[in-house]
C-alpha atoms as a PDB file:
ATOM      1  CA  MET A   1     -28.962-100.374 -79.626  1.00  0.00           C
ATOM      2  CA  THR A   2     -29.069 -97.811 -82.476  1.00  0.00           C
ATOM      3  CA  THR A   3     -30.777 -98.496 -85.816  1.00  0.00           C
ATOM      4  CA  ASP A   4     -29.591 -96.804 -88.978  1.00  0.00           C
ATOM      5  CA  ASP A   5     -32.337 -94.199 -88.641  1.00  0.00           C
ATOM      6  CA  SER A   6     -30.752 -93.240 -85.275  1.00  0.00           C
ATOM      7  CA  ARG A   7     -33.699 -94.353 -83.030  1.00  0.00           C
ATOM      8  CA  GLU A   8     -32.611 -95.494 -79.646  1.00  0.00           C
ATOM      9  CA  ILE A   9     -34.029 -98.926 -78.601  1.00  0.00           C
ATOM     10  CA  GLU A  10     -33.453-100.357 -75.126  1.00  0.00           C
ATOM     11  CA  LEU A  11     -32.228-103.927 -75.000  1.00  0.00           C
ATOM     12  CA  PRO A  12     -34.295-106.309 -72.844  1.00  0.00           C
ATOM     13  CA  SER A  13     -32.457-107.601 -69.787  1.00  0.00           C
ATOM     14  CA  ALA A  14     -32.313-111.136 -68.440  1.00  0.00           C
ATOM     15  CA  ALA A  15     -33.671-109.904 -65.108  1.00  0.00           C
ATOM     16  CA  GLU A  16     -36.740-108.242 -66.600  1.00  0.00           C
ATOM     17  CA  ASP A  17     -37.693-110.765 -69.289  1.00  0.00           C
ATOM     18  CA  GLY A  18     -36.202-113.952 -67.910  1.00  0.00           C
ATOM     19  CA  LEU A  19     -33.875-114.566 -70.849  1.00  0.00           C
ATOM     20  CA  ALA A  20     -31.794-117.653 -70.703  1.00  0.00           C
ATOM     21  CA  PRO A  21     -28.000-117.176 -70.802  1.00  0.00           C
ATOM     22  CA  ASP A  22     -27.738-118.483 -74.373  1.00  0.00           C
ATOM     23  CA  GLU A  23     -30.542-116.203 -75.475  1.00  0.00           C
ATOM     24  CA  GLU A  24     -28.909-113.193 -73.763  1.00  0.00           C
ATOM     25  CA  ALA A  25     -25.602-113.982 -75.480  1.00  0.00           C
ATOM     26  CA  LEU A  26     -27.404-114.195 -78.850  1.00  0.00           C
ATOM     27  CA  LEU A  27     -29.044-110.848 -78.208  1.00  0.00           C
ATOM     28  CA  ALA A  28     -25.657-109.297 -77.397  1.00  0.00           C
ATOM     29  CA  ALA A  29     -24.169-110.721 -80.607  1.00  0.00           C
ATOM     30  CA  PHE A  30     -27.080-109.411 -82.562  1.00  0.00           C
ATOM     31  CA  ASP A  31     -26.530-105.950 -81.062  1.00  0.00           C
ATOM     32  CA  ARG A  32     -22.905-106.010 -82.187  1.00  0.00           C
ATOM     33  CA  MET A  33     -24.130-106.534 -85.767  1.00  0.00           C
ATOM     34  CA  ARG A  34     -26.245-103.348 -85.728  1.00  0.00           C
ATOM     35  CA  PRO A  35     -25.719-100.945 -88.643  1.00  0.00           C
ATOM     36  CA  GLN A  36     -22.926 -98.432 -88.101  1.00  0.00           C
ATOM     37  CA  GLY A  37     -24.556 -96.173 -90.540  1.00  0.00           C
ATOM     38  CA  THR A  38     -22.391 -93.087 -91.192  1.00  0.00           C
ATOM     39  CA  LEU A  39     -20.315 -92.123 -94.212  1.00  0.00           C
ATOM     40  CA  ARG A  40     -17.192 -91.611 -92.137  1.00  0.00           C
ATOM     41  CA  TRP A  41     -16.200 -95.146 -91.356  1.00  0.00           C
ATOM     42  CA  GLY A  42     -16.424 -96.940 -94.708  1.00  0.00           C
ATOM     43  CA  PHE A  43     -13.376 -95.172 -96.166  1.00  0.00           C
ATOM     44  CA  ASP A  44     -10.792 -97.897 -95.568  1.00  0.00           C
ATOM     45  CA  ASP A  45     -12.838-100.567 -97.310  1.00  0.00           C
ATOM     46  CA  ALA A  46     -13.584 -98.282-100.268  1.00  0.00           C
ATOM     47  CA  MET A  47      -9.883 -97.461-100.674  1.00  0.00           C
ATOM     48  CA  ARG A  48      -9.032-101.183-100.568  1.00  0.00           C
ATOM     49  CA  ARG A  49     -11.500-101.740-103.401  1.00  0.00           C
ATOM     50  CA  VAL A  50      -9.886 -98.890-105.379  1.00  0.00           C
ATOM     51  CA  HIS A  51      -6.359-100.221-104.949  1.00  0.00           C
ATOM     52  CA  GLU A  52      -7.195-103.916-105.279  1.00  0.00           C
ATOM     53  CA  PRO A  53      -9.746-104.148-108.068  1.00  0.00           C
ATOM     54  CA  GLU A  54      -8.471-107.582-109.032  1.00  0.00           C
ATOM     55  CA  HIS A  55      -9.623-108.929-105.695  1.00  0.00           C
ATOM     56  CA  ALA A  56     -13.011-107.242-105.826  1.00  0.00           C
ATOM     57  CA  THR A  57     -15.977-109.460-106.519  1.00  0.00           C
ATOM     58  CA  ALA A  58     -18.962-108.683-108.679  1.00  0.00           C
ATOM     59  CA  ALA A  59     -20.925-108.316-105.467  1.00  0.00           C
ATOM     60  CA  ALA A  60     -18.994-105.150-104.693  1.00  0.00           C
ATOM     61  CA  SER A  61     -20.480-103.475-107.726  1.00  0.00           C
ATOM     62  CA  MET A  62     -23.819-103.326-105.961  1.00  0.00           C
ATOM     63  CA  PRO A  63     -23.287-101.972-102.405  1.00  0.00           C
ATOM     64  CA  TRP A  64     -25.472-103.885 -99.971  1.00  0.00           C
ATOM     65  CA  LYS A  65     -28.298-101.744 -98.674  1.00  0.00           C
ATOM     66  CA  GLY A  66     -28.390-103.493 -95.336  1.00  0.00           C
ATOM     67  CA  LEU A  67     -31.186-105.202 -93.436  1.00  0.00           C
ATOM     68  CA  PRO A  68     -34.653-103.648 -93.234  1.00  0.00           C
ATOM     69  CA  ASP A  69     -35.074-101.127 -90.421  1.00  0.00           C
ATOM     70  CA  ASP A  70     -37.919-103.070 -88.789  1.00  0.00           C
ATOM     71  CA  LEU A  71     -35.757-106.223 -88.504  1.00  0.00           C
ATOM     72  CA  TRP A  72     -33.582-104.567 -85.844  1.00  0.00           C
ATOM     73  CA  GLU A  73     -36.702-103.509 -83.950  1.00  0.00           C
ATOM     74  CA  ARG A  74     -38.148-106.972 -84.131  1.00  0.00           C
ATOM     75  CA  GLY A  75     -34.827-108.404 -82.896  1.00  0.00           C
ATOM     76  CA  ASN A  76     -35.146-106.399 -79.706  1.00  0.00           C
ATOM     77  CA  SER A  77     -38.894-106.592 -79.186  1.00  0.00           C
ATOM     78  CA  ALA A  78     -39.269-110.342 -79.734  1.00  0.00           C
ATOM     79  CA  ARG A  79     -38.168-112.960 -77.216  1.00  0.00           C
ATOM     80  CA  ILE A  80     -34.937-114.378 -78.542  1.00  0.00           C
ATOM     81  CA  GLY A  81     -35.432-118.014 -79.476  1.00  0.00           C
ATOM     82  CA  ARG A  82     -35.959-120.400 -82.298  1.00  0.00           C
ATOM     83  CA  ARG A  83     -38.842-118.469 -83.788  1.00  0.00           C
ATOM     84  CA  PHE A  84     -36.850-115.296 -84.049  1.00  0.00           C
ATOM     85  CA  VAL A  85     -33.647-116.995 -85.353  1.00  0.00           C
ATOM     86  CA  GLY A  86     -35.771-118.712 -88.008  1.00  0.00           C
ATOM     87  CA  ASP A  87     -37.389-115.379 -88.865  1.00  0.00           C
ATOM     88  CA  VAL A  88     -33.978-113.688 -89.274  1.00  0.00           C
ATOM     89  CA  ALA A  89     -32.689-116.548 -91.416  1.00  0.00           C
ATOM     90  CA  SER A  90     -35.787-116.345 -93.628  1.00  0.00           C
ATOM     91  CA  VAL A  91     -35.369-112.606 -94.159  1.00  0.00           C
ATOM     92  CA  LEU A  92     -31.641-112.892 -94.823  1.00  0.00           C
ATOM     93  CA  ALA A  93     -32.238-115.659 -97.362  1.00  0.00           C
ATOM     94  CA  GLY A  94     -34.671-113.446 -99.256  1.00  0.00           C
ATOM     95  CA  ILE A  95     -32.256-110.489 -99.184  1.00  0.00           C
ATOM     96  CA  MET A  96     -29.335-112.593-100.397  1.00  0.00           C
ATOM     97  CA  ALA A  97     -31.349-114.013-103.232  1.00  0.00           C
ATOM     98  CA  THR A  98     -32.393-110.527-104.336  1.00  0.00           C
ATOM     99  CA  ASP A  99     -28.801-109.319-104.098  1.00  0.00           C
ATOM    100  CA  ALA A 100     -27.567-112.297-106.071  1.00  0.00           C
ATOM    101  CA  ARG A 101     -29.969-111.444-108.897  1.00  0.00           C
ATOM    102  CA  ALA A 102     -28.868-107.758-108.820  1.00  0.00           C
ATOM    103  CA  VAL A 103     -25.174-108.762-108.899  1.00  0.00           C
ATOM    104  CA  ALA A 104     -25.762-110.991-111.889  1.00  0.00           C
ATOM    105  CA  ASP A 105     -27.588-108.204-113.700  1.00  0.00           C
ATOM    106  CA  ALA A 106     -24.819-105.702-112.864  1.00  0.00           C
ATOM    107  CA  THR A 107     -22.093-108.069-114.045  1.00  0.00           C
ATOM    108  CA  MET A 108     -23.868-108.696-117.312  1.00  0.00           C
ATOM    109  CA  ALA A 109     -24.229-104.966-117.781  1.00  0.00           C
ATOM    110  CA  GLY A 110     -20.481-104.496-117.437  1.00  0.00           C
ATOM    111  CA  GLU A 111     -20.414-102.620-114.119  1.00  0.00           C
ATOM    112  CA  ASP A 112     -16.883-101.899-112.922  1.00  0.00           C
ATOM    113  CA  ASP A 113     -16.416-101.833-109.148  1.00  0.00           C
ATOM    114  CA  ARG A 114     -13.441 -99.489-109.393  1.00  0.00           C
ATOM    115  CA  PHE A 115     -15.765 -96.636-110.314  1.00  0.00           C
ATOM    116  CA  VAL A 116     -18.218 -97.512-107.556  1.00  0.00           C
ATOM    117  CA  ALA A 117     -15.377 -97.853-105.012  1.00  0.00           C
ATOM    118  CA  THR A 118     -13.843 -94.518-106.105  1.00  0.00           C
ATOM    119  CA  TRP A 119     -17.188 -92.758-105.702  1.00  0.00           C
ATOM    120  CA  ASP A 120     -17.690 -94.368-102.309  1.00  0.00           C
ATOM    121  CA  ALA A 121     -14.125 -93.356-101.234  1.00  0.00           C
ATOM    122  CA  LEU A 122     -14.780 -89.725-102.201  1.00  0.00           C
ATOM    123  CA  ARG A 123     -18.024 -89.652-100.241  1.00  0.00           C
ATOM    124  CA  PHE A 124     -16.411 -91.184 -97.194  1.00  0.00           C
ATOM    125  CA  LEU A 125     -13.407 -88.885 -97.453  1.00  0.00           C
ATOM    126  CA  ALA A 126     -15.626 -85.802 -97.748  1.00  0.00           C
ATOM    127  CA  ALA A 127     -17.435 -86.818 -94.575  1.00  0.00           C
ATOM    128  CA  ARG A 128     -14.163 -87.309 -92.688  1.00  0.00           C
ATOM    129  CA  VAL A 129     -12.814 -83.949 -93.888  1.00  0.00           C
ATOM    130  CA  GLU A 130     -15.984 -82.258 -92.589  1.00  0.00           C
ATOM    131  CA  VAL A 131     -15.335 -83.771 -89.160  1.00  0.00           C
ATOM    132  CA  LEU A 132     -11.703 -82.629 -89.163  1.00  0.00           C
ATOM    133  CA  GLU A 133     -12.600 -79.147 -90.308  1.00  0.00           C
ATOM    134  CA  ALA A 134     -15.093 -78.853 -87.497  1.00  0.00           C
ATOM    135  CA  ARG A 135     -12.349 -79.657 -84.991  1.00  0.00           C
ATOM    136  CA  VAL A 136      -9.677 -77.258 -86.310  1.00  0.00           C
ATOM    137  CA  ASP A 137     -10.254 -73.728 -85.129  1.00  0.00           C
ATOM    138  CA  PRO A 138     -14.004 -74.261 -84.648  1.00  0.00           C
ATOM    139  CA  ALA A 139     -14.550 -70.594 -83.737  1.00  0.00           C
ATOM    140  CA  GLY A 140     -13.204 -69.510 -87.153  1.00  0.00           C
ATOM    141  CA  LEU A 141     -12.013 -66.151 -85.821  1.00  0.00           C
ATOM    142  CA  GLU A 142     -10.634 -63.508 -88.183  1.00  0.00           C
ATOM    143  CA  VAL A 143      -7.760 -61.303 -87.070  1.00  0.00           C
ATOM    144  CA  ALA A 144     -10.114 -58.367 -86.488  1.00  0.00           C
ATOM    145  CA  ASP A 145     -12.641 -60.373 -84.464  1.00  0.00           C
ATOM    146  CA  VAL A 146     -10.732 -60.155 -81.169  1.00  0.00           C
ATOM    147  CA  GLN A 147      -8.296 -57.699 -79.641  1.00  0.00           C
ATOM    148  CA  VAL A 148      -4.759 -59.001 -79.551  1.00  0.00           C
ATOM    149  CA  PRO A 149      -1.524 -57.235 -78.537  1.00  0.00           C
ATOM    150  CA  VAL A 150       0.053 -55.310 -81.394  1.00  0.00           C
ATOM    151  CA  PRO A 151       3.782 -55.964 -81.213  1.00  0.00           C
ATOM    152  CA  ASP A 152       5.911 -52.894 -80.616  1.00  0.00           C
ATOM    153  CA  LEU A 153       8.812 -53.447 -83.024  1.00  0.00           C
ATOM    154  CA  SER A 154      10.497 -50.108 -82.467  1.00  0.00           C
ATOM    155  CA  GLU A 155      13.352 -51.692 -80.555  1.00  0.00           C
ATOM    156  CA  TRP A 156      14.423 -53.640 -83.697  1.00  0.00           C
ATOM    157  CA  VAL A 157      13.835 -51.012 -86.423  1.00  0.00           C
ATOM    158  CA  ASP A 158      17.441 -49.791 -86.342  1.00  0.00           C
ATOM    159  CA  ARG A 159      18.921 -53.318 -86.141  1.00  0.00           C
ATOM    160  CA  VAL A 160      17.180 -55.108 -88.986  1.00  0.00           C
ATOM    161  CA  GLY A 161      19.515 -53.472 -91.476  1.00  0.00           C
ATOM    162  CA  SER A 162      22.535 -55.214 -89.966  1.00  0.00           C
ATOM    163  CA  TRP A 163      20.717 -58.542 -89.985  1.00  0.00           C
ATOM    164  CA  LEU A 164      19.706 -58.209 -93.685  1.00  0.00           C
ATOM    165  CA  GLY A 165      23.113 -57.041 -94.942  1.00  0.00           C
ATOM    166  CA  SER A 166      23.797 -54.841 -97.923  1.00  0.00           C
ATOM    167  CA  PRO A 167      20.834 -54.195-100.231  1.00  0.00           C
ATOM    168  CA  ASP A 168      20.725 -56.231-103.421  1.00  0.00           C
ATOM    169  CA  ALA A 169      19.343 -54.418-106.452  1.00  0.00           C
ATOM    170  CA  GLY A 170      15.909 -55.784-107.258  1.00  0.00           C
ATOM    171  CA  ALA A 171      15.822 -58.149-104.282  1.00  0.00           C
ATOM    172  CA  THR A 172      12.704 -58.098-102.128  1.00  0.00           C
ATOM    173  CA  ILE A 173      12.279 -58.138 -98.369  1.00  0.00           C
ATOM    174  CA  VAL A 174       8.883 -59.323 -97.072  1.00  0.00           C
ATOM    175  CA  VAL A 175       7.508 -57.673 -93.932  1.00  0.00           C
ATOM    176  CA  GLY A 176       4.525 -59.437 -92.448  1.00  0.00           C
ATOM    177  CA  GLU A 177       2.675 -58.122 -90.581  1.00  0.00           C
ATOM    178  CA  ALA A 178       3.393 -54.593 -91.704  1.00  0.00           C
ATOM    179  CA  GLY A 179       1.480 -52.916 -88.871  1.00  0.00           C
ATOM    180  CA  ASP A 180       1.705 -49.120 -89.051  1.00  0.00           C
ATOM    181  CA  GLY A 181       4.434 -49.319 -91.696  1.00  0.00           C
ATOM    182  CA  GLY A 182       7.359 -48.391 -89.481  1.00  0.00           C
ATOM    183  CA  LEU A 183       9.418 -51.487 -90.242  1.00  0.00           C
ATOM    184  CA  VAL A 184       8.616 -51.222 -93.962  1.00  0.00           C
ATOM    185  CA  ARG A 185       9.822 -47.639 -94.048  1.00  0.00           C
ATOM    186  CA  ALA A 186      13.041 -48.535 -92.236  1.00  0.00           C
ATOM    187  CA  VAL A 187      13.893 -51.378 -94.595  1.00  0.00           C
ATOM    188  CA  ALA A 188      12.964 -49.323 -97.662  1.00  0.00           C
ATOM    189  CA  ALA A 189      15.114 -46.445 -96.413  1.00  0.00           C
ATOM    190  CA  ALA A 190      18.055 -48.866 -96.236  1.00  0.00           C
ATOM    191  CA  GLY A 191      17.740 -49.416 -99.988  1.00  0.00           C
ATOM    192  CA  TRP A 192      15.625 -52.569-100.209  1.00  0.00           C
ATOM    193  CA  LYS A 193      12.509 -53.198-102.216  1.00  0.00           C
ATOM    194  CA  VAL A 194       9.886 -54.086 -99.615  1.00  0.00           C
ATOM    195  CA  HIS A 195       6.680 -56.100 -99.887  1.00  0.00           C
ATOM    196  CA  GLY A 196       4.492 -55.554 -96.803  1.00  0.00           C
ATOM    197  CA  ILE A 197       1.618 -57.813 -95.807  1.00  0.00           C
ATOM    198  CA  GLU A 198      -1.062 -56.780 -93.309  1.00  0.00           C
ATOM    199  CA  PRO A 199      -4.457 -58.416 -92.639  1.00  0.00           C
ATOM    200  CA  ARG A 200      -6.136 -55.347 -91.083  1.00  0.00           C
ATOM    201  CA  GLY A 201      -7.651 -52.912 -93.544  1.00  0.00           C
ATOM    202  CA  PRO A 202      -7.240 -49.683 -91.529  1.00  0.00           C
ATOM    203  CA  SER A 203      -3.544 -50.514 -90.864  1.00  0.00           C
ATOM    204  CA  VAL A 204      -2.976 -51.069 -94.595  1.00  0.00           C
ATOM    205  CA  TRP A 205      -4.400 -47.665 -95.525  1.00  0.00           C
ATOM    206  CA  GLN A 206      -2.424 -45.948 -92.751  1.00  0.00           C
ATOM    207  CA  ALA A 207       0.861 -47.690 -93.664  1.00  0.00           C
ATOM    208  CA  THR A 208       0.368 -47.023 -97.372  1.00  0.00           C
ATOM    209  CA  ALA A 209      -0.236 -43.330 -96.702  1.00  0.00           C
ATOM    210  CA  SER A 210       2.921 -43.183 -94.586  1.00  0.00           C
ATOM    211  CA  LEU A 211       4.955 -44.709 -97.416  1.00  0.00           C
ATOM    212  CA  GLU A 212       3.627 -42.111 -99.861  1.00  0.00           C
ATOM    213  CA  ASP A 213       4.384 -39.247 -97.460  1.00  0.00           C
ATOM    214  CA  ASP A 214       7.947 -40.381 -96.698  1.00  0.00           C
ATOM    215  CA  ARG A 215      10.156 -38.632 -99.237  1.00  0.00           C
ATOM    216  CA  THR A 216      13.281 -40.496 -98.140  1.00  0.00           C
ATOM    217  CA  ILE A 217      11.933 -43.704 -99.718  1.00  0.00           C
ATOM    218  CA  ALA A 218      10.316 -42.232-102.815  1.00  0.00           C
ATOM    219  CA  GLY A 219      10.747 -44.598-105.728  1.00  0.00           C
ATOM    220  CA  SER A 220      11.599 -47.597-103.544  1.00  0.00           C
ATOM    221  CA  ARG A 221       8.863 -49.650-105.297  1.00  0.00           C
ATOM    222  CA  SER A 222       7.676 -50.801-101.853  1.00  0.00           C
ATOM    223  CA  ASP A 223       4.055 -51.759-101.330  1.00  0.00           C
ATOM    224  CA  ILE A 224       1.679 -53.086 -98.702  1.00  0.00           C
ATOM    225  CA  VAL A 225      -1.111 -55.544 -99.490  1.00  0.00           C
ATOM    226  CA  LEU A 226      -4.202 -56.553 -97.536  1.00  0.00           C
ATOM    227  CA  ALA A 227      -3.823 -60.307 -96.901  1.00  0.00           C
ATOM    228  CA  GLU A 228      -2.934 -62.994 -94.364  1.00  0.00           C
ATOM    229  CA  VAL A 229       0.802 -63.560 -94.325  1.00  0.00           C
ATOM    230  CA  ALA A 230       0.596 -67.302 -94.758  1.00  0.00           C
ATOM    231  CA  ASP A 231      -1.755 -66.959 -97.737  1.00  0.00           C
ATOM    232  CA  GLN A 232       0.419 -64.380 -99.436  1.00  0.00           C
ATOM    233  CA  LEU A 233       3.617 -66.396 -98.952  1.00  0.00           C
ATOM    234  CA  GLY A 234       1.865 -69.382-100.467  1.00  0.00           C
ATOM    235  CA  ALA A 235       1.417 -67.432-103.734  1.00  0.00           C
ATOM    236  CA  MET A 236       5.099 -66.473-104.005  1.00  0.00           C
ATOM    237  CA  PRO A 237       7.655 -68.361-106.154  1.00  0.00           C
ATOM    238  CA  ASN A 238      10.371 -70.566-104.728  1.00  0.00           C
ATOM    239  CA  GLY A 239      13.419 -68.651-103.640  1.00  0.00           C
ATOM    240  CA  GLY A 240      11.796 -65.355-104.532  1.00  0.00           C
ATOM    241  CA  VAL A 241      12.666 -63.196-101.553  1.00  0.00           C
ATOM    242  CA  ALA A 242      15.944 -62.128 -99.972  1.00  0.00           C
ATOM    243  CA  GLY A 243      14.581 -61.837 -96.458  1.00  0.00           C
ATOM    244  CA  LEU A 244      11.499 -62.086 -94.276  1.00  0.00           C
ATOM    245  CA  LEU A 245      10.601 -60.018 -91.196  1.00  0.00           C
ATOM    246  CA  LEU A 246       7.640 -61.731 -89.475  1.00  0.00           C
ATOM    247  CA  ALA A 247       5.631 -60.526 -86.482  1.00  0.00           C
ATOM    248  CA  GLY A 248       2.071 -60.752 -85.241  1.00  0.00           C
ATOM    249  CA  CYS A 249       0.992 -63.718 -87.312  1.00  0.00           C
ATOM    250  CA  VAL A 250       3.746 -65.848 -85.713  1.00  0.00           C
ATOM    251  CA  ASP A 251       1.986 -65.376 -82.365  1.00  0.00           C
ATOM    252  CA  ARG A 252      -1.639 -66.008 -83.327  1.00  0.00           C
ATOM    253  CA  LEU A 253      -1.326 -69.123 -85.465  1.00  0.00           C
ATOM    254  CA  ASP A 254      -1.953 -72.534 -83.999  1.00  0.00           C
ATOM    255  CA  LEU A 255       0.905 -75.030 -83.966  1.00  0.00           C
ATOM    256  CA  ALA A 256       0.009 -76.566 -87.330  1.00  0.00           C
ATOM    257  CA  GLY A 257      -0.188 -73.072 -88.807  1.00  0.00           C
ATOM    258  CA  LYS A 258       3.223 -72.166 -87.417  1.00  0.00           C
ATOM    259  CA  LEU A 259       4.783 -75.297 -88.887  1.00  0.00           C
ATOM    260  CA  ARG A 260       3.251 -74.545 -92.274  1.00  0.00           C
ATOM    261  CA  LEU A 261       4.595 -71.028 -92.008  1.00  0.00           C
ATOM    262  CA  VAL A 262       8.109 -72.381 -91.416  1.00  0.00           C
ATOM    263  CA  ASP A 263       7.727 -74.554 -94.540  1.00  0.00           C
ATOM    264  CA  GLN A 264       6.725 -71.496 -96.573  1.00  0.00           C
ATOM    265  CA  ILE A 265       9.678 -69.492 -95.163  1.00  0.00           C
ATOM    266  CA  VAL A 266      12.131 -72.153 -96.304  1.00  0.00           C
ATOM    267  CA  ARG A 267      10.462 -72.381 -99.732  1.00  0.00           C
ATOM    268  CA  VAL A 268      10.386 -68.696-100.631  1.00  0.00           C
ATOM    269  CA  LEU A 269      13.729 -67.676 -99.073  1.00  0.00           C
ATOM    270  CA  ALA A 270      16.533 -67.304-101.579  1.00  0.00           C
ATOM    271  CA  PRO A 271      19.942 -68.899-100.885  1.00  0.00           C
ATOM    272  CA  GLY A 272      21.829 -66.682 -98.441  1.00  0.00           C
ATOM    273  CA  GLY A 273      18.636 -64.963 -97.360  1.00  0.00           C
ATOM    274  CA  THR A 274      17.659 -64.008 -93.810  1.00  0.00           C
ATOM    275  CA  VAL A 275      14.505 -64.590 -91.752  1.00  0.00           C
ATOM    276  CA  VAL A 276      13.690 -62.660 -88.567  1.00  0.00           C
ATOM    277  CA  VAL A 277      10.865 -63.952 -86.358  1.00  0.00           C
ATOM    278  CA  MET A 278       9.744 -61.309 -83.880  1.00  0.00           C
ATOM    279  CA  THR A 279       7.605 -62.924 -81.206  1.00  0.00           C
ATOM    280  CA  ILE A 280       5.963 -61.389 -78.160  1.00  0.00           C
ATOM    281  CA  ASP A 281       7.055 -62.569 -74.746  1.00  0.00           C
ATOM    282  CA  GLN A 282       4.576 -65.200 -73.592  1.00  0.00           C
ATOM    283  CA  ALA A 283       3.868 -63.581 -70.223  1.00  0.00           C
ATOM    284  CA  ALA A 284       3.320 -60.188 -71.839  1.00  0.00           C
ATOM    285  CA  TRP A 285       0.952 -61.748 -74.375  1.00  0.00           C
ATOM    286  CA  ASP A 286      -1.136 -63.475 -71.738  1.00  0.00           C
ATOM    287  CA  GLY A 287      -1.302 -60.387 -69.599  1.00  0.00           C
ATOM    288  CA  ALA A 288      -2.436 -58.166 -72.480  1.00  0.00           C
ATOM    289  CA  LEU A 289      -5.252 -60.387 -73.739  1.00  0.00           C
ATOM    290  CA  ALA A 290      -8.883 -59.950 -72.869  1.00  0.00           C
ATOM    291  CA  PRO A 291     -10.559 -63.162 -71.656  1.00  0.00           C
ATOM    292  CA  PRO A 292     -12.468 -63.839 -74.952  1.00  0.00           C
ATOM    293  CA  ALA A 293      -9.247 -63.613 -76.942  1.00  0.00           C
ATOM    294  CA  ARG A 294      -7.364 -65.766 -74.445  1.00  0.00           C
ATOM    295  CA  ASP A 295     -10.035 -68.434 -74.590  1.00  0.00           C
ATOM    296  CA  LEU A 296     -10.832 -68.422 -78.296  1.00  0.00           C
ATOM    297  CA  LEU A 297      -7.610 -67.750 -80.203  1.00  0.00           C
ATOM    298  CA  PRO A 298      -6.260 -70.938 -81.825  1.00  0.00           C
ATOM    299  CA  GLY A 299      -2.662 -70.299 -80.747  1.00  0.00           C
ATOM    300  CA  ARG A 300      -0.260 -68.359 -78.520  1.00  0.00           C
ATOM    301  CA  PRO A 301       3.354 -67.277 -78.900  1.00  0.00           C
ATOM    302  CA  LEU A 302       6.107 -69.886 -78.922  1.00  0.00           C
ATOM    303  CA  HIS A 303       9.183 -69.400 -76.785  1.00  0.00           C
ATOM    304  CA  PRO A 304      12.174 -68.016 -78.791  1.00  0.00           C
ATOM    305  CA  GLU A 305      14.069 -71.239 -78.051  1.00  0.00           C
ATOM    306  CA  THR A 306      11.235 -73.149 -79.707  1.00  0.00           C
ATOM    307  CA  TRP A 307      11.376 -70.942 -82.798  1.00  0.00           C
ATOM    308  CA  SER A 308      15.149 -71.441 -82.931  1.00  0.00           C
ATOM    309  CA  HIS A 309      14.593 -75.218 -82.786  1.00  0.00           C
ATOM    310  CA  LEU A 310      11.943 -75.127 -85.566  1.00  0.00           C
ATOM    311  CA  LEU A 311      14.044 -72.968 -87.874  1.00  0.00           C
ATOM    312  CA  ARG A 312      17.152 -75.098 -87.329  1.00  0.00           C
ATOM    313  CA  ARG A 313      15.108 -78.250 -87.895  1.00  0.00           C
ATOM    314  CA  ALA A 314      13.833 -76.832 -91.205  1.00  0.00           C
ATOM    315  CA  GLY A 315      17.409 -76.405 -92.438  1.00  0.00           C
ATOM    316  CA  LEU A 316      18.027 -72.728 -91.689  1.00  0.00           C
ATOM    317  CA  THR A 317      21.451 -71.901 -90.284  1.00  0.00           C
ATOM    318  CA  GLU A 318      22.624 -70.465 -86.963  1.00  0.00           C
ATOM    319  CA  PRO A 319      19.343 -69.210 -85.401  1.00  0.00           C
ATOM    320  CA  THR A 320      20.239 -66.488 -82.921  1.00  0.00           C
ATOM    321  CA  TRP A 321      17.968 -65.310 -80.138  1.00  0.00           C
ATOM    322  CA  HIS A 322      18.057 -61.538 -79.466  1.00  0.00           C
ATOM    323  CA  ARG A 323      16.429 -60.623 -76.172  1.00  0.00           C
ATOM    324  CA  PRO A 324      14.602 -57.296 -75.791  1.00  0.00           C
ATOM    325  CA  THR A 325      15.983 -54.689 -73.438  1.00  0.00           C
ATOM    326  CA  THR A 326      13.138 -52.172 -73.386  1.00  0.00           C
ATOM    327  CA  GLY A 327      10.155 -53.871 -74.950  1.00  0.00           C
ATOM    328  CA  SER A 328       8.464 -57.300 -74.899  1.00  0.00           C
ATOM    329  CA  VAL A 329       9.291 -58.582 -78.402  1.00  0.00           C
ATOM    330  CA  HIS A 330      12.061 -61.154 -78.922  1.00  0.00           C
ATOM    331  CA  ALA A 331      13.818 -61.548 -82.259  1.00  0.00           C
ATOM    332  CA  VAL A 332      15.117 -64.849 -83.650  1.00  0.00           C
ATOM    333  CA  VAL A 333      17.391 -64.408 -86.671  1.00  0.00           C
ATOM    334  CA  ALA A 334      18.363 -67.267 -88.982  1.00  0.00           C
ATOM    335  CA  GLY A 335      19.812 -67.615 -92.460  1.00  0.00           C
ATOM    336  CA  SER A 336      19.424 -69.791 -95.555  1.00  0.00           C
ATOM    337  CA  ALA A 337      22.524 -71.676 -96.722  1.00  0.00           C
ATOM    338  CA  ARG A 338      24.093 -70.277 -99.875  1.00  0.00           C
END
């Protein structure tokens, strides 16, 4: 049995103490009544009190503090019988009388259980969120913490122009992750305004310098920012981009992160826009990872067929899987309905 101060107390057994069957049953029932004690598990009752204040009694305005700690110890150290049952009843009677007086005082003072219940619900919810946060990506790795394969996108640089179509004046193409800037330069050279996103500082500085040195794209108004792709997309307006070219981040994210990324793609993509997901071949990814990265990363690449399914399910049209011929990066191209 566990008391609400988390001390472990061994229950007496019938064999050791000669308890009668009815006494052993009473002890087991008493154990089931032990305090549960943590903030996590009172949430449902608190929410019921928030949503059903008309059913709440005045007693709810003064949360019961529970039985004294030593009562649970006495319940396991004493021989279960009439003396103990009478002792418990006596203590309970005193507690209930005290609570009754407190409830009467609270009612006269105009206490409203909805406020108490709301506060309880927030406390319980906070405790539950802490538990969930501890379970999701417990290692908390940043992109620079482990070595992951950098996708070689060179095979697709000359083809993205045909997927994106004719440049639209003022329309923006998002490239995330930008890497060394090669894909950004190719799209900018085709006449598009490009917004690159890259989470690695050194890559951002290198790619930015390459944009400034490339005279063929001078005045393209293209830029590269230091950020996580999912975070940056979340700050963009609905329907604000004409196309998205995504690589790197699509491989590392866990499944929940990938699904959120798909939601953001659909939200920011303008009608008639295009999304290209460039994902590393799963076998190549596994073979290129060091053991720490393989063990600790929250996610791994999805199969191109899976990406096609997710994009189609999100409402994008005609996902097409383009297989690599020289490299290890697949491309899945889909469009937004006009």
